[in-house]
Amino acid sequence: MTTPTLAAWVHDLSPYLIEVSPGVGLRWYGLSYVAGVAVAYVILRWMAGRGMTLIPRDRCFDAIITLAIGAVVGGRLGYIAFYEPTLLWLFSSSPPWWGVVQLNRGGMASHGGIIGTIIAAVLISRGWKDESGTRVGRCPPLHVMDTMAAIAPLGLGLGRLANFINGELLGRVIAAPGEAAPAWAVRFPQEHLTGHAPALTAEQDLALTTLIRDVSPQATTWGEGYRAVIEAVQNGVPGIAERLEPMLAARHPSQLYQAVAEGLVLMLVVWAVWRRPRKPGVIGGVWLATYGLLRIATEHWRLPDDHLSVQVIAGLSRGQWLSAAMVVAGLALFAFAVSRPNASKLGGWARRDHADG
C-alpha cells in the first residue's frame, strides 16, 4: 500500500504523567482537577483580599473545597442523568463495583458540574460557624454564584486540555483514513475504540490487523491488541505511529477549541463585565449565557457521545440543547438581577476602595 503524505499529527500523548503499573498511575485528567482547584483558590484569596467578594479570606479554603465537591459530584451525577442512566443499576464483581463510581465509564458532564456548583454556592452563602457557634461570612447566594463564575473558567479550560491529552470527546472528521489533511488536524488512535471509528477499506483493515498482530501477538481479543498498539504509539516505539497513520481519520481538535472558548474567552467576558461593581446575579447570568453560546458554537466541531441512541435532535446535539437551556437561564437570571431596585452592587476589580492584602 502506498502511503500518501498525510500531514496531520498522530496523537501520541499518554493519559498518565506517571504510570506505576498498567492502568494505575497519576493521570493528567486528575491533575487538571487539582490544578483547577488550586488556581481557583489563589484567585478567590486575591478577590477576598481586594474586597471583590464577601467571602471571608480565612474561609476561602472551605469555600473552594465545597465548590470542588459540588463540581465533582454534580459532574458525575449529571453525566449519569443526561447521558447514561444505566450506570445507576450497573454492578460488577470487581472494585469499585458500582457503575456510578466507575469514573472510567463516561466520566463527568460539565452541565451537571455547573448544577453542582450552584448548589455548592448556596451552601457557601450560609456562612460558617465560629468557635462560639455563631455563623460568620453569610452573603447573598447570587453573589457567591457570581464569585464562582469568576474563578471557574481556567479550571474548565484545564479540563478540556486533559480531554485532549486523553484523546476523548473527538472532533468531526476532516479527512478520511489515508487522505491528506491540514497540518493542524489531529489523528486520534483512540477513535477505533469508540462508536465514531471511521470506515476502512479492505486493504486498510488488513494493514491494521497485521499491525495489531505484530505489536501484540499474544492478544486474545482485537480490543486488547489495539490497546497495545496505542500504548506503543504513546511510548514512542519506532515505526508504529507511521504504520498506524494511514488507518486514522484526521479530525478537528475540538477539545482545544473548547479549552480556548471555556477557559480564555469566557474568563475575559466575565472579568470585563465585572470591572465595575454589579448587582448580585449579573455576573452569574452573563456566565451562563456566554458559556451556553460558546458550547453551542464549539460543539459544531465536536461529535456527540457515541453511545447515545439519538445523537442529534432537530439539528442539535444533546449538549447543544442543554447549552441552549443555559442561555435562556442566564438571560432570565440577568434580567432578574438588574431589575432588583434595592440590590447593592458588589465586587468590581477596578474599584478604588478595595481592601489591602
Protein backbone atom coordinates (compact mmCIF):
# COMPACT_ATOMS: atom_id res chain seq x y z
CA MET A 1 0.00 0.00 0.00
CA THR A 2 1.37 3.39 -0.99
CA THR A 3 1.31 5.80 1.94
CA PRO A 4 0.48 9.41 0.98
CA THR A 5 1.84 12.44 2.76
CA LEU A 6 -0.83 12.73 5.41
CA ALA A 7 0.44 15.83 7.25
CA ALA A 8 -1.93 15.68 10.27
CA TRP A 9 -0.26 14.85 13.59
CA VAL A 10 -0.82 11.39 15.11
CA HIS A 11 -1.87 11.90 18.73
CA ASP A 12 0.75 10.15 20.87
CA LEU A 13 0.17 11.69 24.30
CA SER A 14 -0.14 9.37 27.28
CA PRO A 15 -3.02 9.98 29.73
CA TYR A 16 -0.52 9.39 32.55
CA LEU A 17 2.08 11.74 33.94
CA ILE A 18 3.41 8.72 35.83
CA GLU A 19 2.16 5.16 35.25
CA VAL A 20 3.09 2.87 38.13
CA SER A 21 1.63 -0.27 36.55
CA PRO A 22 -0.71 -0.92 33.61
CA GLY A 23 -3.85 1.12 34.22
CA VAL A 24 -2.61 2.58 37.51
CA GLY A 25 -0.84 5.92 37.87
CA LEU A 26 -1.09 9.68 38.06
CA ARG A 27 -3.41 10.84 35.27
CA TRP A 28 -3.37 14.23 33.62
CA TYR A 29 -7.16 14.33 33.94
CA GLY A 30 -6.98 14.07 37.72
CA LEU A 31 -4.18 16.63 37.79
CA SER A 32 -6.33 19.05 35.80
CA TYR A 33 -8.92 18.98 38.61
CA VAL A 34 -6.24 19.52 41.25
CA ALA A 35 -4.71 22.38 39.27
CA GLY A 36 -8.13 23.91 38.66
CA VAL A 37 -8.93 23.86 42.38
CA ALA A 38 -5.52 25.36 43.22
CA VAL A 39 -5.89 28.17 40.67
CA ALA A 40 -9.43 28.88 41.85
CA TYR A 41 -8.21 29.11 45.47
CA VAL A 42 -5.47 31.59 44.57
CA ILE A 43 -7.91 33.78 42.60
CA LEU A 44 -10.53 33.63 45.37
CA ARG A 45 -7.98 34.65 48.01
CA TRP A 46 -6.97 37.58 45.82
CA MET A 47 -10.61 38.58 45.30
CA ALA A 48 -11.31 38.40 49.04
CA GLY A 49 -8.27 40.50 49.84
CA ARG A 50 -9.30 43.09 47.28
CA GLY A 51 -12.83 43.32 48.61
CA MET A 52 -14.25 41.91 45.38
CA THR A 53 -16.16 39.18 47.22
CA LEU A 54 -17.88 38.98 50.59
CA ILE A 55 -16.50 35.51 51.26
CA PRO A 56 -14.05 35.96 54.19
CA ARG A 57 -10.43 35.46 53.22
CA ASP A 58 -9.87 32.99 56.04
CA ARG A 59 -12.76 30.88 54.71
CA CYS A 60 -11.61 30.71 51.11
CA PHE A 61 -10.21 27.20 51.52
CA ASP A 62 -13.51 25.95 52.97
CA ALA A 63 -15.38 27.59 50.10
CA ILE A 64 -13.13 26.03 47.47
CA ILE A 65 -13.43 22.53 48.97
CA THR A 66 -17.23 22.87 48.99
CA LEU A 67 -17.12 24.09 45.40
CA ALA A 68 -14.85 21.22 44.31
CA ILE A 69 -17.09 18.59 45.91
CA GLY A 70 -20.16 20.14 44.29
CA ALA A 71 -18.50 20.22 40.86
CA VAL A 72 -17.26 16.61 41.03
CA VAL A 73 -20.45 15.10 42.44
CA GLY A 74 -22.64 17.20 40.17
CA GLY A 75 -20.47 16.43 37.16
CA ARG A 76 -20.69 12.68 37.73
CA LEU A 77 -24.39 12.59 38.54
CA GLY A 78 -25.03 14.94 35.63
CA TYR A 79 -23.30 12.58 33.22
CA ILE A 80 -25.40 9.69 34.51
CA ALA A 81 -28.67 11.65 34.36
CA PHE A 82 -28.08 13.26 30.96
CA TYR A 83 -26.15 10.59 29.08
CA GLU A 84 -26.01 7.12 30.69
CA PRO A 85 -28.63 6.43 33.41
CA THR A 86 -27.98 2.67 33.14
CA LEU A 87 -24.89 3.22 35.33
CA LEU A 88 -27.26 3.54 38.30
CA TRP A 89 -28.03 -0.19 38.18
CA LEU A 90 -24.72 -1.43 36.79
CA PHE A 91 -22.83 -3.59 39.29
CA SER A 92 -19.73 -5.74 38.86
CA SER A 93 -17.74 -8.23 40.93
CA SER A 94 -14.57 -6.10 40.91
CA PRO A 95 -13.81 -2.73 42.54
CA PRO A 96 -15.31 -0.16 42.56
CA TRP A 97 -18.34 -2.45 41.97
CA TRP A 98 -20.98 0.24 41.26
CA GLY A 99 -21.24 1.94 37.87
CA VAL A 100 -21.83 5.35 39.45
CA VAL A 101 -18.28 5.43 40.84
CA GLN A 102 -16.61 3.80 37.82
CA LEU A 103 -15.18 7.07 36.52
CA ASN A 104 -13.62 5.31 33.53
CA ARG A 105 -17.20 4.74 32.33
CA GLY A 106 -18.19 8.07 30.83
CA GLY A 107 -16.54 10.42 33.31
CA MET A 108 -18.15 13.78 34.03
CA ALA A 109 -20.65 16.15 32.41
CA SER A 110 -19.89 19.85 32.59
CA HIS A 111 -23.59 20.77 32.68
CA GLY A 112 -24.02 18.58 35.76
CA GLY A 113 -20.91 20.12 37.28
CA ILE A 114 -22.47 23.56 36.88
CA ILE A 115 -25.60 22.44 38.72
CA GLY A 116 -23.41 21.01 41.48
CA THR A 117 -21.52 24.30 41.67
CA ILE A 118 -24.76 26.26 42.05
CA ILE A 119 -25.80 24.02 44.96
CA ALA A 120 -22.35 24.50 46.49
CA ALA A 121 -22.71 28.27 46.16
CA VAL A 122 -25.97 28.16 48.13
CA LEU A 123 -24.24 26.20 50.90
CA ILE A 124 -21.29 28.62 50.94
CA SER A 125 -23.66 31.60 51.19
CA ARG A 126 -24.92 30.29 54.56
CA GLY A 127 -21.52 31.04 56.08
CA TRP A 128 -19.66 29.02 58.70
CA LYS A 129 -19.96 28.59 62.44
CA ASP A 130 -17.13 30.03 64.52
CA GLU A 131 -15.93 28.75 67.89
CA SER A 132 -18.93 30.28 69.65
CA GLY A 133 -21.41 28.67 67.27
CA THR A 134 -22.23 31.97 65.55
CA ARG A 135 -22.45 31.90 61.77
CA VAL A 136 -19.96 34.18 60.04
CA GLY A 137 -19.43 35.01 56.40
CA ARG A 138 -23.06 34.99 55.33
CA CYS A 139 -23.60 36.59 51.94
CA PRO A 140 -26.22 36.59 49.17
CA PRO A 141 -26.33 33.28 47.22
CA LEU A 142 -26.33 35.14 43.92
CA HIS A 143 -23.15 36.96 44.93
CA VAL A 144 -21.46 33.64 45.71
CA MET A 145 -22.57 32.36 42.30
CA ASP A 146 -21.02 35.46 40.73
CA THR A 147 -17.79 34.77 42.58
CA MET A 148 -17.77 31.12 41.47
CA ALA A 149 -18.39 32.25 37.89
CA ALA A 150 -15.30 34.46 38.05
CA ILE A 151 -12.95 31.72 39.30
CA ALA A 152 -14.28 28.76 37.27
CA PRO A 153 -13.14 29.36 33.64
CA LEU A 154 -9.46 28.48 34.00
CA GLY A 155 -10.40 25.18 35.63
CA LEU A 156 -12.77 24.43 32.76
CA GLY A 157 -10.00 25.17 30.27
CA LEU A 158 -7.60 22.82 32.07
CA GLY A 159 -10.24 20.09 31.97
CA ARG A 160 -10.58 20.45 28.21
CA LEU A 161 -6.80 20.23 27.81
CA ALA A 162 -6.97 16.97 29.78
CA ASN A 163 -9.71 15.75 27.40
CA PHE A 164 -7.29 16.40 24.53
CA ILE A 165 -4.47 14.53 26.23
CA ASN A 166 -6.82 11.59 26.84
CA GLY A 167 -7.86 11.55 23.18
CA GLU A 168 -11.55 11.71 24.11
CA LEU A 169 -14.56 13.80 23.04
CA LEU A 170 -13.48 13.50 19.42
CA GLY A 171 -13.98 16.20 16.82
CA ARG A 172 -15.53 15.92 13.38
CA VAL A 173 -13.64 14.25 10.57
CA ILE A 174 -11.74 16.49 8.16
CA ALA A 175 -10.14 13.75 6.05
CA ALA A 176 -10.80 10.01 5.88
CA PRO A 177 -8.05 7.46 6.65
CA GLY A 178 -5.35 7.57 4.01
CA GLU A 179 -6.31 11.06 2.80
CA ALA A 180 -4.13 14.15 3.18
CA ALA A 181 -5.23 16.71 5.75
CA PRO A 182 -4.18 20.12 7.12
CA ALA A 183 -1.17 20.12 9.42
CA TRP A 184 -3.30 21.44 12.30
CA ALA A 185 -5.64 18.44 12.21
CA VAL A 186 -5.11 15.52 14.58
CA ARG A 187 -5.35 11.77 14.06
CA PHE A 188 -6.50 10.09 17.28
CA PRO A 189 -5.65 6.38 17.63
CA GLN A 190 -8.40 6.13 20.27
CA GLU A 191 -11.10 6.57 17.60
CA HIS A 192 -11.13 2.83 16.76
CA LEU A 193 -12.25 2.07 20.33
CA THR A 194 -15.32 4.32 20.02
CA GLY A 195 -18.56 4.31 18.10
CA HIS A 196 -17.06 7.01 15.88
CA ALA A 197 -14.48 4.70 14.27
CA PRO A 198 -14.03 5.55 10.58
CA ALA A 199 -14.76 3.06 7.80
CA LEU A 200 -11.64 1.36 6.43
CA THR A 201 -11.03 -0.17 3.05
CA ALA A 202 -10.27 -3.90 2.89
CA GLU A 203 -6.61 -3.04 2.34
CA GLN A 204 -6.52 -0.68 5.34
CA ASP A 205 -8.33 -3.19 7.54
CA LEU A 206 -5.79 -5.88 6.63
CA ALA A 207 -2.92 -3.48 7.38
CA LEU A 208 -4.41 -2.64 10.78
CA THR A 209 -4.92 -6.31 11.64
CA THR A 210 -1.33 -7.05 10.66
CA LEU A 211 -0.07 -4.16 12.80
CA ILE A 212 -2.02 -5.42 15.82
CA ARG A 213 -0.62 -8.93 15.34
CA ASP A 214 2.93 -7.58 15.04
CA VAL A 215 2.66 -5.44 18.16
CA SER A 216 0.72 -7.85 20.37
CA PRO A 217 0.81 -11.42 19.03
CA GLN A 218 -0.42 -12.81 22.37
CA ALA A 219 -3.58 -10.65 22.48
CA THR A 220 -6.76 -12.72 22.86
CA THR A 221 -9.13 -10.04 21.54
CA TRP A 222 -8.98 -7.31 18.90
CA GLY A 223 -9.53 -4.62 21.55
CA GLU A 224 -6.70 -5.90 23.72
CA GLY A 225 -4.35 -5.95 20.76
CA TYR A 226 -5.34 -2.48 19.59
CA ARG A 227 -4.83 -1.01 23.05
CA ALA A 228 -1.31 -2.41 22.89
CA VAL A 229 -0.85 -0.52 19.60
CA ILE A 230 -1.99 2.72 21.25
CA GLU A 231 0.45 2.16 24.12
CA ALA A 232 3.24 1.56 21.64
CA VAL A 233 2.44 4.85 19.92
CA GLN A 234 2.36 6.68 23.28
CA ASN A 235 5.66 5.08 24.31
CA GLY A 236 7.33 6.19 21.10
CA VAL A 237 8.07 2.72 19.74
CA PRO A 238 9.76 3.42 16.37
CA GLY A 239 7.64 2.92 13.27
CA ILE A 240 4.30 2.17 14.95
CA ALA A 241 2.75 5.63 14.54
CA GLU A 242 3.85 5.75 10.90
CA ARG A 243 2.22 2.38 10.20
CA LEU A 244 -0.97 3.32 12.03
CA GLU A 245 -1.35 6.77 10.47
CA PRO A 246 -2.97 5.65 7.17
CA MET A 247 -5.75 3.92 9.16
CA LEU A 248 -6.71 7.03 11.15
CA ALA A 249 -9.08 9.84 10.21
CA ALA A 250 -7.92 13.45 10.57
CA ARG A 251 -10.16 15.40 12.92
CA HIS A 252 -10.81 18.85 14.32
CA PRO A 253 -9.05 19.17 17.71
CA SER A 254 -12.39 20.23 19.20
CA GLN A 255 -11.08 19.78 22.74
CA LEU A 256 -8.62 22.62 22.14
CA TYR A 257 -11.35 24.80 20.63
CA GLN A 258 -13.39 24.29 23.78
CA ALA A 259 -10.38 24.87 26.03
CA VAL A 260 -9.87 28.30 24.46
CA ALA A 261 -13.59 29.12 24.49
CA GLU A 262 -14.43 27.92 28.01
CA GLY A 263 -11.11 28.78 29.60
CA LEU A 264 -9.93 32.00 27.97
CA VAL A 265 -12.84 33.65 26.14
CA LEU A 266 -15.32 33.01 28.95
CA MET A 267 -12.89 34.39 31.53
CA LEU A 268 -12.27 37.55 29.51
CA VAL A 269 -16.00 38.20 29.09
CA VAL A 270 -16.81 37.68 32.76
CA TRP A 271 -13.94 39.78 34.05
CA ALA A 272 -14.65 42.53 31.52
CA VAL A 273 -18.24 42.77 32.77
CA TRP A 274 -17.16 42.67 36.41
CA ARG A 275 -14.72 45.52 36.02
CA ARG A 276 -17.22 47.63 37.96
CA PRO A 277 -19.48 46.57 40.87
CA ARG A 278 -22.62 44.74 39.75
CA LYS A 279 -25.86 43.64 41.36
CA PRO A 280 -25.70 40.03 42.59
CA GLY A 281 -26.68 37.66 39.81
CA VAL A 282 -25.50 39.80 36.91
CA ILE A 283 -22.15 38.01 36.57
CA GLY A 284 -23.76 34.60 37.04
CA GLY A 285 -26.27 35.41 34.30
CA VAL A 286 -23.55 36.60 31.96
CA TRP A 287 -21.53 33.46 32.69
CA LEU A 288 -24.42 31.08 32.00
CA ALA A 289 -25.44 32.80 28.76
CA THR A 290 -21.88 33.17 27.47
CA TYR A 291 -20.91 29.61 28.35
CA GLY A 292 -24.04 28.27 26.70
CA LEU A 293 -23.41 30.22 23.50
CA LEU A 294 -19.76 29.12 23.39
CA ARG A 295 -20.73 25.47 23.88
CA ILE A 296 -23.36 25.65 21.15
CA ALA A 297 -20.74 27.11 18.80
CA THR A 298 -17.82 24.80 19.63
CA GLU A 299 -19.92 21.63 19.59
CA HIS A 300 -20.37 22.23 15.87
CA TRP A 301 -16.87 20.68 15.60
CA ARG A 302 -17.35 18.06 18.33
CA LEU A 303 -19.09 14.73 17.85
CA PRO A 304 -21.95 13.73 20.18
CA ASP A 305 -21.34 10.93 22.68
CA ASP A 306 -21.19 7.73 20.65
CA HIS A 307 -23.31 5.59 22.98
CA LEU A 308 -26.44 7.76 22.67
CA SER A 309 -29.23 6.11 20.71
CA VAL A 310 -30.38 9.55 19.49
CA GLN A 311 -27.35 11.77 18.98
CA VAL A 312 -28.99 14.74 17.22
CA ILE A 313 -32.42 16.24 17.91
CA ALA A 314 -33.77 18.87 15.50
CA GLY A 315 -30.27 19.55 14.23
CA LEU A 316 -28.63 19.99 17.65
CA SER A 317 -26.75 17.54 19.87
CA ARG A 318 -27.87 16.85 23.43
CA GLY A 319 -25.02 19.01 24.69
CA GLN A 320 -26.17 21.89 22.49
CA TRP A 321 -29.74 21.62 23.76
CA LEU A 322 -28.51 21.66 27.35
CA SER A 323 -26.39 24.69 26.47
CA ALA A 324 -29.39 26.41 24.89
CA ALA A 325 -31.25 25.93 28.17
CA MET A 326 -28.28 27.55 29.93
CA VAL A 327 -28.51 30.58 27.62
CA VAL A 328 -32.20 31.00 28.49
CA ALA A 329 -31.49 30.57 32.21
CA GLY A 330 -28.60 33.03 32.03
CA LEU A 331 -30.67 35.70 30.31
CA ALA A 332 -33.50 35.21 32.80
CA LEU A 333 -31.08 35.49 35.74
CA PHE A 334 -29.50 38.61 34.26
CA ALA A 335 -32.90 40.25 33.74
CA PHE A 336 -33.96 39.37 37.29
CA ALA A 337 -30.71 40.68 38.77
CA VAL A 338 -30.73 44.06 37.03
CA SER A 339 -34.42 44.60 37.80
CA ARG A 340 -33.97 44.39 41.59
CA PRO A 341 -34.26 48.05 42.69
CA ASN A 342 -32.77 47.74 46.17
CA ALA A 343 -29.93 45.32 45.49
CA SER A 344 -26.48 46.66 46.39
CA LYS A 345 -23.78 46.45 43.75
CA LEU A 346 -20.84 44.28 44.78
CA GLY A 347 -17.36 43.41 43.53
CA GLY A 348 -15.54 45.05 40.68
CA TRP A 349 -11.82 44.50 40.23
CA ALA A 350 -11.18 48.11 39.13
CA ARG A 351 -12.83 49.66 42.19
CA ARG A 352 -10.56 52.08 44.03
CA ASP A 353 -11.87 51.43 47.55
CA HIS A 354 -10.63 47.85 47.73
CA ALA A 355 -9.17 46.42 50.90
CA ASP A 356 -5.44 45.92 51.33
CA GLY A 357 -3.85 42.49 51.04
